N, C-alpha and C. Protein backbone atom coordinates (compact mmCIF):
# COMPACT_ATOMS: atom_id res chain seq x y z
N UNK A 1 90.09 60.61 58.96
CA UNK A 1 88.86 60.29 58.46
C UNK A 1 88.39 61.76 57.78
N UNK A 2 87.85 61.75 56.69
CA UNK A 2 87.41 62.86 56.10
C UNK A 2 85.77 63.15 56.55
N UNK A 3 85.56 64.47 56.60
CA UNK A 3 84.16 64.82 57.08
C UNK A 3 83.37 65.05 55.78
N UNK A 4 82.06 64.49 55.65
CA UNK A 4 81.31 64.64 54.43
C UNK A 4 80.07 65.47 54.82
N UNK A 5 79.72 66.37 53.86
CA UNK A 5 78.47 67.07 53.99
C UNK A 5 77.26 65.97 53.41
N UNK A 6 76.07 66.40 53.66
CA UNK A 6 75.04 65.49 53.21
C UNK A 6 75.13 65.28 51.70
N UNK A 7 75.56 66.49 51.00
CA UNK A 7 75.57 66.44 49.54
C UNK A 7 76.63 65.56 49.16
N UNK A 8 77.83 65.71 49.57
CA UNK A 8 78.97 64.72 49.27
C UNK A 8 78.71 63.27 49.58
N UNK A 9 78.02 62.99 50.59
CA UNK A 9 77.80 61.55 50.90
C UNK A 9 76.96 60.73 50.01
N UNK A 10 76.11 61.51 49.22
CA UNK A 10 75.24 60.78 48.32
C UNK A 10 76.04 60.06 47.19
N UNK A 11 77.28 60.57 46.90
CA UNK A 11 78.14 59.97 45.91
C UNK A 11 78.68 58.64 46.42
N UNK A 12 78.55 58.42 47.62
CA UNK A 12 79.10 57.20 48.32
C UNK A 12 78.05 56.04 48.40
N UNK A 13 76.80 56.46 48.14
CA UNK A 13 75.75 55.56 48.33
C UNK A 13 74.99 55.35 47.06
N UNK A 14 75.51 55.60 45.96
CA UNK A 14 74.94 55.56 44.58
C UNK A 14 74.50 54.10 44.26
N UNK A 15 75.33 53.18 44.75
CA UNK A 15 75.04 51.80 44.46
C UNK A 15 74.45 50.98 45.51
N UNK A 16 74.13 51.72 46.67
CA UNK A 16 73.46 51.08 47.91
C UNK A 16 71.94 50.95 47.60
N UNK A 17 71.40 49.77 48.15
CA UNK A 17 70.00 49.63 48.04
C UNK A 17 69.37 49.13 49.37
N UNK A 18 68.13 49.44 49.47
CA UNK A 18 67.24 49.00 50.69
C UNK A 18 66.51 47.82 50.24
N UNK A 19 66.60 46.75 51.04
CA UNK A 19 65.97 45.47 50.71
C UNK A 19 64.96 45.11 51.68
N UNK A 20 63.69 44.65 51.10
CA UNK A 20 62.55 44.28 51.96
C UNK A 20 62.89 42.81 52.27
N UNK A 21 62.94 42.38 53.61
CA UNK A 21 63.19 40.98 54.04
C UNK A 21 62.23 40.01 53.39
N UNK A 22 61.02 40.39 53.33
CA UNK A 22 60.15 39.31 52.88
C UNK A 22 60.02 39.25 51.27
N UNK A 23 59.92 40.39 50.67
CA UNK A 23 59.71 40.37 49.19
C UNK A 23 60.92 40.50 48.45
N UNK A 24 62.01 40.86 49.01
CA UNK A 24 63.35 41.01 48.33
C UNK A 24 63.12 42.11 47.38
N UNK A 25 62.33 43.06 47.52
CA UNK A 25 62.40 44.21 46.70
C UNK A 25 63.48 45.04 46.99
N UNK A 26 64.02 45.71 46.06
CA UNK A 26 65.29 46.59 46.31
C UNK A 26 64.87 48.10 45.71
N UNK A 27 65.13 48.94 46.56
CA UNK A 27 65.10 50.51 46.24
C UNK A 27 66.39 51.19 46.42
N UNK A 28 66.72 52.26 45.56
CA UNK A 28 67.93 52.75 45.57
C UNK A 28 67.90 53.78 46.69
N UNK A 29 68.95 53.66 47.54
CA UNK A 29 69.15 54.47 48.85
C UNK A 29 68.92 55.93 48.57
N UNK A 30 69.50 56.52 47.46
CA UNK A 30 69.51 57.90 47.19
C UNK A 30 68.08 58.44 46.91
N UNK A 31 67.26 57.45 46.59
CA UNK A 31 65.79 57.86 46.30
C UNK A 31 64.87 57.51 47.35
N UNK A 32 65.36 57.26 48.57
CA UNK A 32 64.48 56.75 49.71
C UNK A 32 64.62 57.75 50.82
N UNK A 33 63.47 57.89 51.63
CA UNK A 33 63.42 58.55 52.86
C UNK A 33 62.82 57.70 53.81
N UNK A 34 63.05 57.92 55.11
CA UNK A 34 62.31 57.24 56.12
C UNK A 34 61.44 58.22 56.87
N UNK A 35 60.21 57.88 57.00
CA UNK A 35 59.27 58.72 57.76
C UNK A 35 58.82 58.04 59.03
N UNK A 36 58.97 58.77 60.12
CA UNK A 36 58.66 58.07 61.41
C UNK A 36 58.19 59.11 62.38
N UNK A 37 57.55 58.59 63.54
CA UNK A 37 57.21 59.49 64.49
C UNK A 37 58.30 59.52 65.52
N UNK A 38 58.69 60.74 65.90
CA UNK A 38 59.71 60.91 66.97
C UNK A 38 59.16 60.76 68.28
N UNK A 39 59.78 59.73 69.02
CA UNK A 39 59.15 59.44 70.25
C UNK A 39 59.24 60.47 71.38
N UNK A 40 60.07 61.32 71.17
CA UNK A 40 60.29 62.50 72.10
C UNK A 40 59.23 63.59 71.96
N UNK A 41 59.08 63.91 70.64
CA UNK A 41 58.23 65.11 70.27
C UNK A 41 56.86 64.68 69.81
N UNK A 42 56.75 63.43 69.49
CA UNK A 42 55.45 62.73 68.89
C UNK A 42 55.05 63.42 67.56
N UNK A 43 56.08 64.05 66.97
CA UNK A 43 55.82 64.61 65.64
C UNK A 43 56.43 63.74 64.48
N UNK A 44 55.84 63.77 63.27
CA UNK A 44 56.37 63.09 62.22
C UNK A 44 57.51 63.73 61.54
N UNK A 45 58.58 62.88 61.33
CA UNK A 45 59.84 63.47 60.76
C UNK A 45 60.26 62.69 59.60
N UNK A 46 61.11 63.16 58.74
CA UNK A 46 61.47 62.41 57.49
C UNK A 46 62.97 62.59 57.44
N UNK A 47 63.69 61.49 57.10
CA UNK A 47 65.22 61.54 56.97
C UNK A 47 65.60 60.90 55.71
N UNK A 48 66.54 61.35 55.02
CA UNK A 48 67.09 60.67 53.86
C UNK A 48 67.88 59.36 54.32
N UNK A 49 67.75 58.26 53.61
CA UNK A 49 68.41 57.06 54.04
C UNK A 49 69.90 57.29 53.83
N UNK A 50 70.39 57.96 52.88
CA UNK A 50 71.75 58.22 52.73
C UNK A 50 72.40 58.95 53.85
N UNK A 51 71.56 59.80 54.56
CA UNK A 51 71.96 60.59 55.67
C UNK A 51 72.13 59.58 56.83
N UNK A 52 71.15 58.64 56.99
CA UNK A 52 71.34 57.68 58.07
C UNK A 52 72.42 56.84 57.88
N UNK A 53 72.94 56.50 56.68
CA UNK A 53 74.19 55.72 56.39
C UNK A 53 75.39 56.63 56.86
N UNK A 54 75.33 57.86 56.55
CA UNK A 54 76.46 58.73 56.99
C UNK A 54 76.54 58.70 58.41
N UNK A 55 75.60 59.00 59.14
CA UNK A 55 75.54 59.12 60.57
C UNK A 55 76.07 57.81 61.18
N UNK A 56 75.61 56.58 60.64
CA UNK A 56 75.99 55.30 61.15
C UNK A 56 77.55 55.28 61.02
N UNK A 57 78.07 55.47 59.86
CA UNK A 57 79.40 55.25 59.47
C UNK A 57 80.32 56.25 60.35
N UNK A 58 79.85 57.43 60.47
CA UNK A 58 80.63 58.48 61.28
C UNK A 58 80.56 58.08 62.80
N UNK A 59 79.48 57.65 63.30
CA UNK A 59 79.44 57.29 64.76
C UNK A 59 80.24 55.98 64.92
N UNK A 60 80.24 54.96 64.01
CA UNK A 60 81.05 53.82 64.21
C UNK A 60 82.39 54.08 64.21
N UNK A 61 82.95 54.98 63.07
CA UNK A 61 84.26 55.24 62.90
C UNK A 61 84.80 56.21 64.10
N UNK A 62 84.03 56.99 64.70
CA UNK A 62 84.48 57.97 65.77
C UNK A 62 84.32 57.36 66.95
N UNK A 63 83.63 56.12 67.12
CA UNK A 63 83.43 55.46 68.30
C UNK A 63 82.67 56.39 69.41
N UNK A 64 81.71 57.11 68.73
CA UNK A 64 81.00 58.05 69.68
C UNK A 64 79.93 57.22 70.50
N UNK A 65 79.36 56.17 70.05
CA UNK A 65 78.49 55.37 70.77
C UNK A 65 78.44 53.97 70.16
N UNK A 66 77.82 53.12 70.94
CA UNK A 66 77.73 51.79 70.34
C UNK A 66 76.74 51.80 69.27
N UNK A 67 76.99 51.28 68.07
CA UNK A 67 76.14 51.19 66.92
C UNK A 67 75.91 49.68 66.72
N UNK A 68 74.63 49.11 66.73
CA UNK A 68 74.54 47.77 66.46
C UNK A 68 73.85 47.57 65.07
């Protein structure tokens, strides 16, 4: 398995989209970020969706933890 930096990974998500379950609106993954409150620190954080995909794939492939 190859290791990707966050910059390299975006080329693998160029055609990925985020879909709203109700409205079926589509947004390009490389143009999206997730903003959330970290439950441990209670601070607002922001993460690129393409990075979340990279982490998901790496965790699943490396069998580091159960990913559902």
